Amino acid sequence: MSATTLDLSKLHKELVTPFILPKGAIEHFRTEGYVKLKRVLSSGLLEFYGDVITQQVMRLNTQIKPMSERTTYERAFLQIMNLWTKNEICREFAFSKRLARIATDLMGVKGVRMYHDQALYKEAGGGFTPWHADQYYWPLSNHNTCTVWIPFQHTPLEMGPLAFAARSHRFEHGRDLEIGDESEEKLQEALKGQNFMHVEAPFELGEVSYHYGWTFHRAGGNSSSKPRAVMTMIYMEDGIKLIKPQNKNQQRDWDEWLPGCNIGEIANSKLNPVIWRE
């Protein structure tokens, strides 16, 4: 869809207009560790921004190995980060005040900053995404972090929609596991042993999810003939601080996503602007 056929001002307005959370959404998020919200974004908005983001993913992708030669992680998705720094239209989407305000309300904080964005495109025939918790990678001082997961198409089970272990955001076992075959094996057993409900269901077009940084989640493979196109933004509480990295991945994140920040100080580098503040 070309920009000339769209009322772009209408799309821009949608990105900043507050979304009224349904009754019980905040309690569900804080209790279960995630929430799925229907009709957050219109089909026209998803089509326009999805086309642009897909173009950028294809332009920036460097993964050329055949699926059979990739690791489990490499088979899970094509991953392109911080698109907001590479394209103005991607920036408009990533800086949506509507989406950031939802994160602020769900977590009960006064505002949120960008940690980073990332496109996660699971190719046709792509593999599963192993069980993991995102905050294993983040050297941040508290748990007021969350990710919004936005599919650009209706996402049935065969495309590998995001799935959650409900209430696992308070489960500390496995928080030292990097995403991969080991995390899939060990967490599958540990989460089952705790009787956490495995919540896996399709996403309607316009439906998005939010999950805490410590909520364990995974996704199935994509057995369909089309790629599963998804954009995500990671939000952190405005005022959260950088802590001493606990593993090599947190050190890498400090270097890459929090440049110039010092341990014990607010995580507010040039790559971490405030997206929403009350």
C-alpha atoms as a PDB file:
ATOM      1  CA  MET A   1       0.000   0.000   0.000  1.00  0.00           C
ATOM      2  CA  SER A   2       1.544   3.335  -1.017  1.00  0.00           C
ATOM      3  CA  ALA A   3       1.600   6.352   1.225  1.00  0.00           C
ATOM      4  CA  THR A   4      -0.294   8.344  -1.446  1.00  0.00           C
ATOM      5  CA  THR A   5      -3.401   6.184  -0.939  1.00  0.00           C
ATOM      6  CA  LEU A   6      -3.491   6.690   2.806  1.00  0.00           C
ATOM      7  CA  ASP A   7      -4.560   9.424   5.130  1.00  0.00           C
ATOM      8  CA  LEU A   8      -1.253   9.462   6.965  1.00  0.00           C
ATOM      9  CA  SER A   9      -2.475  12.046   9.425  1.00  0.00           C
ATOM     10  CA  LYS A  10      -5.117   9.546  10.535  1.00  0.00           C
ATOM     11  CA  LEU A  11      -2.440   6.895  11.135  1.00  0.00           C
ATOM     12  CA  HIS A  12      -0.251   9.355  13.016  1.00  0.00           C
ATOM     13  CA  LYS A  13      -3.217  10.285  15.192  1.00  0.00           C
ATOM     14  CA  GLU A  14      -3.894   6.618  15.922  1.00  0.00           C
ATOM     15  CA  LEU A  15      -0.316   6.115  17.103  1.00  0.00           C
ATOM     16  CA  VAL A  16      -0.682   8.837  19.734  1.00  0.00           C
ATOM     17  CA  THR A  17      -4.336   8.460  20.756  1.00  0.00           C
ATOM     18  CA  PRO A  18      -4.730   6.732  24.153  1.00  0.00           C
ATOM     19  CA  PHE A  19      -6.063   3.175  24.123  1.00  0.00           C
ATOM     20  CA  ILE A  20      -8.668   2.462  26.775  1.00  0.00           C
ATOM     21  CA  LEU A  21      -7.586  -0.688  28.583  1.00  0.00           C
ATOM     22  CA  PRO A  22     -10.413  -3.193  29.115  1.00  0.00           C
ATOM     23  CA  LYS A  23     -11.553  -3.920  32.641  1.00  0.00           C
ATOM     24  CA  GLY A  24      -9.216  -6.332  34.400  1.00  0.00           C
ATOM     25  CA  ALA A  25      -6.295  -5.887  31.966  1.00  0.00           C
ATOM     26  CA  ILE A  26      -3.950  -4.288  34.482  1.00  0.00           C
ATOM     27  CA  GLU A  27      -4.706  -6.888  37.170  1.00  0.00           C
ATOM     28  CA  HIS A  28      -4.253  -9.683  34.637  1.00  0.00           C
ATOM     29  CA  PHE A  29      -0.883  -8.318  33.529  1.00  0.00           C
ATOM     30  CA  ARG A  30       0.464  -7.948  37.047  1.00  0.00           C
ATOM     31  CA  THR A  31      -0.899 -11.295  38.246  1.00  0.00           C
ATOM     32  CA  GLU A  32      -0.270 -13.465  35.198  1.00  0.00           C
ATOM     33  CA  GLY A  33       2.838 -11.673  33.912  1.00  0.00           C
ATOM     34  CA  TYR A  34       1.365 -10.971  30.487  1.00  0.00           C
ATOM     35  CA  VAL A  35      -1.773  -9.679  28.816  1.00  0.00           C
ATOM     36  CA  LYS A  36      -3.193  -9.913  25.290  1.00  0.00           C
ATOM     37  CA  LEU A  37      -5.207  -6.948  24.043  1.00  0.00           C
ATOM     38  CA  LYS A  38      -7.487  -7.004  21.004  1.00  0.00           C
ATOM     39  CA  ARG A  39      -8.070  -4.191  18.489  1.00  0.00           C
ATOM     40  CA  VAL A  40      -5.160  -2.061  19.683  1.00  0.00           C
ATOM     41  CA  LEU A  41      -4.060  -1.155  16.138  1.00  0.00           C
ATOM     42  CA  SER A  42      -6.063  -0.885  12.933  1.00  0.00           C
ATOM     43  CA  SER A  43      -5.511  -3.043   9.868  1.00  0.00           C
ATOM     44  CA  GLY A  44      -4.589   0.004   7.778  1.00  0.00           C
ATOM     45  CA  LEU A  45      -1.927   1.109  10.234  1.00  0.00           C
ATOM     46  CA  LEU A  46      -0.470  -2.393  10.467  1.00  0.00           C
ATOM     47  CA  GLU A  47      -0.391  -2.711   6.690  1.00  0.00           C
ATOM     48  CA  PHE A  48       1.368   0.603   6.118  1.00  0.00           C
ATOM     49  CA  TYR A  49       3.991   0.349   8.866  1.00  0.00           C
ATOM     50  CA  GLY A  50       4.334  -3.414   8.393  1.00  0.00           C
ATOM     51  CA  ASP A  51       5.280  -2.933   4.738  1.00  0.00           C
ATOM     52  CA  VAL A  52       7.970  -0.404   5.626  1.00  0.00           C
ATOM     53  CA  ILE A  53       9.376  -2.451   8.505  1.00  0.00           C
ATOM     54  CA  THR A  54       9.445  -5.573   6.332  1.00  0.00           C
ATOM     55  CA  GLN A  55      11.397  -3.681   3.670  1.00  0.00           C
ATOM     56  CA  GLN A  56      13.935  -2.613   6.288  1.00  0.00           C
ATOM     57  CA  VAL A  57      14.228  -6.154   7.678  1.00  0.00           C
ATOM     58  CA  MET A  58      14.967  -7.505   4.207  1.00  0.00           C
ATOM     59  CA  ARG A  59      17.454  -4.701   3.538  1.00  0.00           C
ATOM     60  CA  LEU A  60      19.346  -5.128   6.805  1.00  0.00           C
ATOM     61  CA  ASN A  61      19.192  -8.912   7.177  1.00  0.00           C
ATOM     62  CA  THR A  62      22.568 -10.665   6.982  1.00  0.00           C
ATOM     63  CA  GLN A  63      21.370 -14.236   7.644  1.00  0.00           C
ATOM     64  CA  ILE A  64      21.987 -16.197   4.426  1.00  0.00           C
ATOM     65  CA  LYS A  65      22.740 -19.694   5.728  1.00  0.00           C
ATOM     66  CA  PRO A  66      20.327 -22.468   4.730  1.00  0.00           C
ATOM     67  CA  MET A  67      17.890 -23.374   7.523  1.00  0.00           C
ATOM     68  CA  SER A  68      19.549 -26.796   7.876  1.00  0.00           C
ATOM     69  CA  GLU A  69      22.895 -25.181   8.769  1.00  0.00           C
ATOM     70  CA  ARG A  70      21.603 -22.777  11.414  1.00  0.00           C
ATOM     71  CA  THR A  71      21.567 -23.131  15.187  1.00  0.00           C
ATOM     72  CA  THR A  72      18.278 -23.446  17.071  1.00  0.00           C
ATOM     73  CA  TYR A  73      18.383 -19.709  17.802  1.00  0.00           C
ATOM     74  CA  GLU A  74      19.165 -18.821  14.185  1.00  0.00           C
ATOM     75  CA  ARG A  75      16.265 -20.946  12.934  1.00  0.00           C
ATOM     76  CA  ALA A  76      13.833 -19.209  15.297  1.00  0.00           C
ATOM     77  CA  PHE A  77      13.701 -15.849  13.520  1.00  0.00           C
ATOM     78  CA  LEU A  78      15.439 -13.083  11.619  1.00  0.00           C
ATOM     79  CA  GLN A  79      16.225 -10.447  14.247  1.00  0.00           C
ATOM     80  CA  ILE A  80      16.862  -6.798  13.365  1.00  0.00           C
ATOM     81  CA  MET A  81      17.257  -4.332  16.234  1.00  0.00           C
ATOM     82  CA  ASN A  82      16.823  -0.590  16.713  1.00  0.00           C
ATOM     83  CA  LEU A  83      15.067   0.027  13.434  1.00  0.00           C
ATOM     84  CA  TRP A  84      14.017   3.392  14.882  1.00  0.00           C
ATOM     85  CA  THR A  85      17.576   4.640  14.364  1.00  0.00           C
ATOM     86  CA  LYS A  86      17.636   3.578  10.704  1.00  0.00           C
ATOM     87  CA  ASN A  87      14.367   4.793   9.206  1.00  0.00           C
ATOM     88  CA  GLU A  88      12.020   7.666  10.078  1.00  0.00           C
ATOM     89  CA  ILE A  89       8.814   5.714   9.435  1.00  0.00           C
ATOM     90  CA  CYS A  90      10.056   2.876  11.640  1.00  0.00           C
ATOM     91  CA  ARG A  91      10.791   5.515  14.264  1.00  0.00           C
ATOM     92  CA  GLU A  92       7.198   6.790  14.106  1.00  0.00           C
ATOM     93  CA  PHE A  93       5.939   3.308  14.831  1.00  0.00           C
ATOM     94  CA  ALA A  94       8.475   2.468  17.553  1.00  0.00           C
ATOM     95  CA  PHE A  95       7.799   5.761  19.332  1.00  0.00           C
ATOM     96  CA  SER A  96       4.022   5.262  19.424  1.00  0.00           C
ATOM     97  CA  LYS A  97       2.705   7.032  22.508  1.00  0.00           C
ATOM     98  CA  ARG A  98      -0.376   4.803  22.430  1.00  0.00           C
ATOM     99  CA  LEU A  99       1.717   1.662  22.850  1.00  0.00           C
ATOM    100  CA  ALA A 100       4.115   3.206  25.378  1.00  0.00           C
ATOM    101  CA  ARG A 101       1.281   4.570  27.496  1.00  0.00           C
ATOM    102  CA  ILE A 102      -0.248   1.092  27.698  1.00  0.00           C
ATOM    103  CA  ALA A 103       3.082  -0.193  29.038  1.00  0.00           C
ATOM    104  CA  THR A 104       3.183   2.645  31.576  1.00  0.00           C
ATOM    105  CA  ASP A 105      -0.322   1.898  32.810  1.00  0.00           C
ATOM    106  CA  LEU A 106       0.185  -1.863  32.963  1.00  0.00           C
ATOM    107  CA  MET A 107       3.355  -1.565  35.049  1.00  0.00           C
ATOM    108  CA  GLY A 108       2.004   1.290  37.190  1.00  0.00           C
ATOM    109  CA  VAL A 109       4.965   3.607  36.611  1.00  0.00           C
ATOM    110  CA  LYS A 110       5.144   7.313  35.739  1.00  0.00           C
ATOM    111  CA  GLY A 111       6.804   6.872  32.378  1.00  0.00           C
ATOM    112  CA  VAL A 112       8.825   4.573  30.150  1.00  0.00           C
ATOM    113  CA  ARG A 113      11.970   4.805  28.072  1.00  0.00           C
ATOM    114  CA  MET A 114      12.978   2.802  25.052  1.00  0.00           C
ATOM    115  CA  TYR A 115      15.398  -0.031  25.801  1.00  0.00           C
ATOM    116  CA  HIS A 116      15.462  -1.105  22.189  1.00  0.00           C
ATOM    117  CA  ASP A 117      13.139  -2.268  19.448  1.00  0.00           C
ATOM    118  CA  GLN A 118      13.506  -5.449  17.436  1.00  0.00           C
ATOM    119  CA  ALA A 119      11.803  -7.025  14.461  1.00  0.00           C
ATOM    120  CA  LEU A 120      11.346 -10.783  14.833  1.00  0.00           C
ATOM    121  CA  TYR A 121      10.501 -12.424  11.511  1.00  0.00           C
ATOM    122  CA  LYS A 122       9.969 -16.180  11.684  1.00  0.00           C
ATOM    123  CA  GLU A 123      10.474 -17.432   8.140  1.00  0.00           C
ATOM    124  CA  ALA A 124       8.265 -20.044   6.502  1.00  0.00           C
ATOM    125  CA  GLY A 125       9.682 -23.314   7.812  1.00  0.00           C
ATOM    126  CA  GLY A 126      11.413 -21.504  10.666  1.00  0.00           C
ATOM    127  CA  GLY A 127      11.990 -23.311  13.945  1.00  0.00           C
ATOM    128  CA  PHE A 128      10.634 -22.874  17.451  1.00  0.00           C
ATOM    129  CA  THR A 129      11.740 -20.124  19.813  1.00  0.00           C
ATOM    130  CA  PRO A 130      13.047 -21.761  23.029  1.00  0.00           C
ATOM    131  CA  TRP A 131      11.722 -20.974  26.499  1.00  0.00           C
ATOM    132  CA  HIS A 132      13.477 -17.941  27.953  1.00  0.00           C
ATOM    133  CA  ALA A 133      13.060 -14.741  29.981  1.00  0.00           C
ATOM    134  CA  ASP A 134      14.156 -11.517  28.307  1.00  0.00           C
ATOM    135  CA  GLN A 135      15.524  -9.796  31.385  1.00  0.00           C
ATOM    136  CA  TYR A 136      18.362 -12.325  31.606  1.00  0.00           C
ATOM    137  CA  TYR A 137      19.976 -10.023  29.019  1.00  0.00           C
ATOM    138  CA  TRP A 138      19.249  -6.672  30.667  1.00  0.00           C
ATOM    139  CA  PRO A 139      21.509  -5.074  33.337  1.00  0.00           C
ATOM    140  CA  LEU A 140      18.664  -3.126  34.939  1.00  0.00           C
ATOM    141  CA  SER A 141      17.901  -2.373  38.576  1.00  0.00           C
ATOM    142  CA  ASN A 142      14.264  -3.464  38.895  1.00  0.00           C
ATOM    143  CA  HIS A 143      11.524  -5.523  37.281  1.00  0.00           C
ATOM    144  CA  ASN A 144       9.552  -2.669  35.721  1.00  0.00           C
ATOM    145  CA  THR A 145      10.322  -3.722  32.172  1.00  0.00           C
ATOM    146  CA  CYS A 146       8.070  -5.145  29.504  1.00  0.00           C
ATOM    147  CA  THR A 147       7.885  -6.027  25.830  1.00  0.00           C
ATOM    148  CA  VAL A 148       5.041  -5.316  23.431  1.00  0.00           C
ATOM    149  CA  TRP A 149       4.701  -8.023  20.726  1.00  0.00           C
ATOM    150  CA  ILE A 150       2.937  -6.801  17.576  1.00  0.00           C
ATOM    151  CA  PRO A 151       2.195  -9.207  14.708  1.00  0.00           C
ATOM    152  CA  PHE A 152       1.527  -7.597  11.339  1.00  0.00           C
ATOM    153  CA  GLN A 153      -0.835 -10.382  10.283  1.00  0.00           C
ATOM    154  CA  HIS A 154      -3.397 -12.721  11.777  1.00  0.00           C
ATOM    155  CA  THR A 155      -1.151 -15.286  13.454  1.00  0.00           C
ATOM    156  CA  PRO A 156      -2.626 -18.786  13.760  1.00  0.00           C
ATOM    157  CA  LEU A 157      -0.941 -21.562  15.732  1.00  0.00           C
ATOM    158  CA  GLU A 158       0.883 -22.890  12.667  1.00  0.00           C
ATOM    159  CA  MET A 159       2.766 -19.581  12.342  1.00  0.00           C
ATOM    160  CA  GLY A 160       4.215 -19.755  15.857  1.00  0.00           C
ATOM    161  CA  PRO A 161       2.435 -17.106  17.977  1.00  0.00           C
ATOM    162  CA  LEU A 162       4.001 -16.044  21.255  1.00  0.00           C
ATOM    163  CA  ALA A 163       3.116 -18.328  24.188  1.00  0.00           C
ATOM    164  CA  PHE A 164       3.502 -17.654  27.914  1.00  0.00           C
ATOM    165  CA  ALA A 165       4.019 -19.510  31.167  1.00  0.00           C
ATOM    166  CA  ALA A 166       1.374 -17.700  33.204  1.00  0.00           C
ATOM    167  CA  ARG A 167       2.567 -16.312  36.582  1.00  0.00           C
ATOM    168  CA  SER A 168       6.170 -17.300  35.873  1.00  0.00           C
ATOM    169  CA  HIS A 169       7.457 -13.721  36.275  1.00  0.00           C
ATOM    170  CA  ARG A 170       7.953 -14.419  39.979  1.00  0.00           C
ATOM    171  CA  PHE A 171       9.686 -17.778  39.405  1.00  0.00           C
ATOM    172  CA  GLU A 172      13.425 -17.274  39.847  1.00  0.00           C
ATOM    173  CA  HIS A 173      14.616 -20.701  38.716  1.00  0.00           C
ATOM    174  CA  GLY A 174      16.154 -20.562  35.250  1.00  0.00           C
ATOM    175  CA  ARG A 175      16.869 -16.862  35.212  1.00  0.00           C
ATOM    176  CA  ASP A 176      20.520 -17.640  34.523  1.00  0.00           C
ATOM    177  CA  LEU A 177      19.785 -19.438  31.255  1.00  0.00           C
ATOM    178  CA  GLU A 178      20.619 -17.988  27.857  1.00  0.00           C
ATOM    179  CA  ILE A 179      18.045 -18.729  25.161  1.00  0.00           C
ATOM    180  CA  GLY A 180      18.834 -21.969  23.353  1.00  0.00           C
ATOM    181  CA  ASP A 181      18.495 -25.722  23.520  1.00  0.00           C
ATOM    182  CA  GLU A 182      19.472 -25.814  27.202  1.00  0.00           C
ATOM    183  CA  SER A 183      16.878 -23.228  28.216  1.00  0.00           C
ATOM    184  CA  GLU A 184      14.189 -25.076  26.246  1.00  0.00           C
ATOM    185  CA  GLU A 185      14.948 -28.404  27.928  1.00  0.00           C
ATOM    186  CA  LYS A 186      15.500 -27.189  31.484  1.00  0.00           C
ATOM    187  CA  LEU A 187      12.715 -24.610  31.575  1.00  0.00           C
ATOM    188  CA  GLN A 188      10.159 -26.881  29.975  1.00  0.00           C
ATOM    189  CA  GLU A 189      10.698 -29.335  32.814  1.00  0.00           C
ATOM    190  CA  ALA A 190      10.905 -26.696  35.556  1.00  0.00           C
ATOM    191  CA  LEU A 191       7.826 -24.770  34.441  1.00  0.00           C
ATOM    192  CA  LYS A 192       5.818 -27.957  34.106  1.00  0.00           C
ATOM    193  CA  GLY A 193       6.881 -28.956  37.605  1.00  0.00           C
ATOM    194  CA  GLN A 194       5.465 -25.690  38.948  1.00  0.00           C
ATOM    195  CA  ASN A 195       2.148 -26.225  37.116  1.00  0.00           C
ATOM    196  CA  PHE A 196       2.377 -22.884  35.357  1.00  0.00           C
ATOM    197  CA  MET A 197      -0.333 -22.729  32.708  1.00  0.00           C
ATOM    198  CA  HIS A 198       1.074 -22.797  29.168  1.00  0.00           C
ATOM    199  CA  VAL A 199      -0.961 -20.147  27.332  1.00  0.00           C
ATOM    200  CA  GLU A 200      -0.748 -20.535  23.561  1.00  0.00           C
ATOM    201  CA  ALA A 201      -3.383 -19.133  21.222  1.00  0.00           C
ATOM    202  CA  PRO A 202      -3.642 -17.354  17.862  1.00  0.00           C
ATOM    203  CA  PHE A 203      -3.346 -13.575  17.584  1.00  0.00           C
ATOM    204  CA  GLU A 204      -6.043 -11.724  15.685  1.00  0.00           C
ATOM    205  CA  LEU A 205      -5.032  -8.895  13.368  1.00  0.00           C
ATOM    206  CA  GLY A 206      -4.708  -5.833  15.600  1.00  0.00           C
ATOM    207  CA  GLU A 207      -4.142  -7.886  18.747  1.00  0.00           C
ATOM    208  CA  VAL A 208      -0.907  -7.322  20.678  1.00  0.00           C
ATOM    209  CA  SER A 209       0.586  -8.684  23.871  1.00  0.00           C
ATOM    210  CA  TYR A 210       2.652  -7.250  26.707  1.00  0.00           C
ATOM    211  CA  HIS A 211       4.804  -9.353  29.017  1.00  0.00           C
ATOM    212  CA  TYR A 212       7.148  -8.586  31.896  1.00  0.00           C
ATOM    213  CA  GLY A 213      10.878  -8.967  31.360  1.00  0.00           C
ATOM    214  CA  TRP A 214      10.940 -11.963  33.704  1.00  0.00           C
ATOM    215  CA  THR A 215       7.913 -13.758  32.243  1.00  0.00           C
ATOM    216  CA  PHE A 216       9.021 -17.001  30.618  1.00  0.00           C
ATOM    217  CA  HIS A 217       7.784 -17.412  27.066  1.00  0.00           C
ATOM    218  CA  ARG A 218       8.409 -19.302  23.829  1.00  0.00           C
ATOM    219  CA  ALA A 219       6.935 -19.721  20.349  1.00  0.00           C
ATOM    220  CA  GLY A 220       6.349 -22.698  18.096  1.00  0.00           C
ATOM    221  CA  GLY A 221       7.811 -23.097  14.621  1.00  0.00           C
ATOM    222  CA  ASN A 222       6.265 -21.642  11.494  1.00  0.00           C
ATOM    223  CA  SER A 223       4.838 -24.499   9.433  1.00  0.00           C
ATOM    224  CA  SER A 224       2.920 -22.142   7.148  1.00  0.00           C
ATOM    225  CA  SER A 225       4.048 -20.951   3.714  1.00  0.00           C
ATOM    226  CA  LYS A 226       4.307 -17.298   4.808  1.00  0.00           C
ATOM    227  CA  PRO A 227       6.694 -15.486   7.156  1.00  0.00           C
ATOM    228  CA  ARG A 228       5.454 -14.464  10.590  1.00  0.00           C
ATOM    229  CA  ALA A 229       6.164 -10.726  10.669  1.00  0.00           C
ATOM    230  CA  VAL A 230       6.393  -9.229  14.174  1.00  0.00           C
ATOM    231  CA  MET A 231       7.702  -5.983  15.617  1.00  0.00           C
ATOM    232  CA  THR A 232       8.521  -5.536  19.285  1.00  0.00           C
ATOM    233  CA  MET A 233       9.487  -2.675  21.548  1.00  0.00           C
ATOM    234  CA  ILE A 234      11.069  -3.137  24.952  1.00  0.00           C
ATOM    235  CA  TYR A 235      10.130  -0.529  27.541  1.00  0.00           C
ATOM    236  CA  MET A 236      11.839   0.198  30.842  1.00  0.00           C
ATOM    237  CA  GLU A 237      10.668   2.395  33.678  1.00  0.00           C
ATOM    238  CA  ASP A 238      11.835   5.991  33.403  1.00  0.00           C
ATOM    239  CA  GLY A 239      14.280   6.176  36.313  1.00  0.00           C
ATOM    240  CA  ILE A 240      15.479   2.571  36.194  1.00  0.00           C
ATOM    241  CA  LYS A 241      19.238   2.299  36.756  1.00  0.00           C
ATOM    242  CA  LEU A 242      22.115   0.423  35.209  1.00  0.00           C
ATOM    243  CA  ILE A 243      23.517  -2.325  37.441  1.00  0.00           C
ATOM    244  CA  LYS A 244      26.741  -4.273  37.217  1.00  0.00           C
ATOM    245  CA  PRO A 245      26.325  -6.889  34.476  1.00  0.00           C
ATOM    246  CA  GLN A 246      25.704 -10.406  35.793  1.00  0.00           C
ATOM    247  CA  ASN A 247      26.770 -12.226  32.603  1.00  0.00           C
ATOM    248  CA  LYS A 248      28.501 -11.595  29.270  1.00  0.00           C
ATOM    249  CA  ASN A 249      25.203 -10.880  27.549  1.00  0.00           C
ATOM    250  CA  GLN A 250      24.360  -8.115  30.009  1.00  0.00           C
ATOM    251  CA  GLN A 251      27.800  -6.621  29.408  1.00  0.00           C
ATOM    252  CA  ARG A 252      27.133  -6.696  25.670  1.00  0.00           C
ATOM    253  CA  ASP A 253      23.732  -5.045  26.183  1.00  0.00           C
ATOM    254  CA  TRP A 254      25.339  -2.303  28.277  1.00  0.00           C
ATOM    255  CA  ASP A 255      27.829  -1.608  25.513  1.00  0.00           C
ATOM    256  CA  GLU A 256      25.258  -1.724  22.718  1.00  0.00           C
ATOM    257  CA  TRP A 257      21.978  -0.346  24.100  1.00  0.00           C
ATOM    258  CA  LEU A 258      23.107   1.816  27.043  1.00  0.00           C
ATOM    259  CA  PRO A 259      26.223   3.580  25.712  1.00  0.00           C
ATOM    260  CA  GLY A 260      27.792   6.058  28.113  1.00  0.00           C
ATOM    261  CA  CYS A 261      25.641   5.046  31.095  1.00  0.00           C
ATOM    262  CA  ASN A 262      27.362   4.406  34.412  1.00  0.00           C
ATOM    263  CA  ILE A 263      26.599   1.711  36.984  1.00  0.00           C
ATOM    264  CA  GLY A 264      24.218   3.013  39.632  1.00  0.00           C
ATOM    265  CA  GLU A 265      22.948   5.846  37.441  1.00  0.00           C
ATOM    266  CA  ILE A 266      19.730   6.226  35.436  1.00  0.00           C
ATOM    267  CA  ALA A 267      19.690   4.343  32.135  1.00  0.00           C
ATOM    268  CA  ASN A 268      19.177   7.389  29.933  1.00  0.00           C
ATOM    269  CA  SER A 269      21.627   7.243  27.056  1.00  0.00           C
ATOM    270  CA  LYS A 270      20.928   8.795  23.656  1.00  0.00           C
ATOM    271  CA  LEU A 271      19.466   5.412  22.648  1.00  0.00           C
ATOM    272  CA  ASN A 272      16.977   5.412  25.542  1.00  0.00           C
ATOM    273  CA  PRO A 273      14.631   8.380  25.063  1.00  0.00           C
ATOM    274  CA  VAL A 274      11.466   8.802  27.074  1.00  0.00           C
ATOM    275  CA  ILE A 275       8.559   7.554  24.948  1.00  0.00           C
ATOM    276  CA  TRP A 276       5.756   8.310  27.411  1.00  0.00           C
ATOM    277  CA  ARG A 277       5.645  10.224  30.679  1.00  0.00           C
ATOM    278  CA  GLU A 278       2.560  11.271  32.615  1.00  0.00           C
END
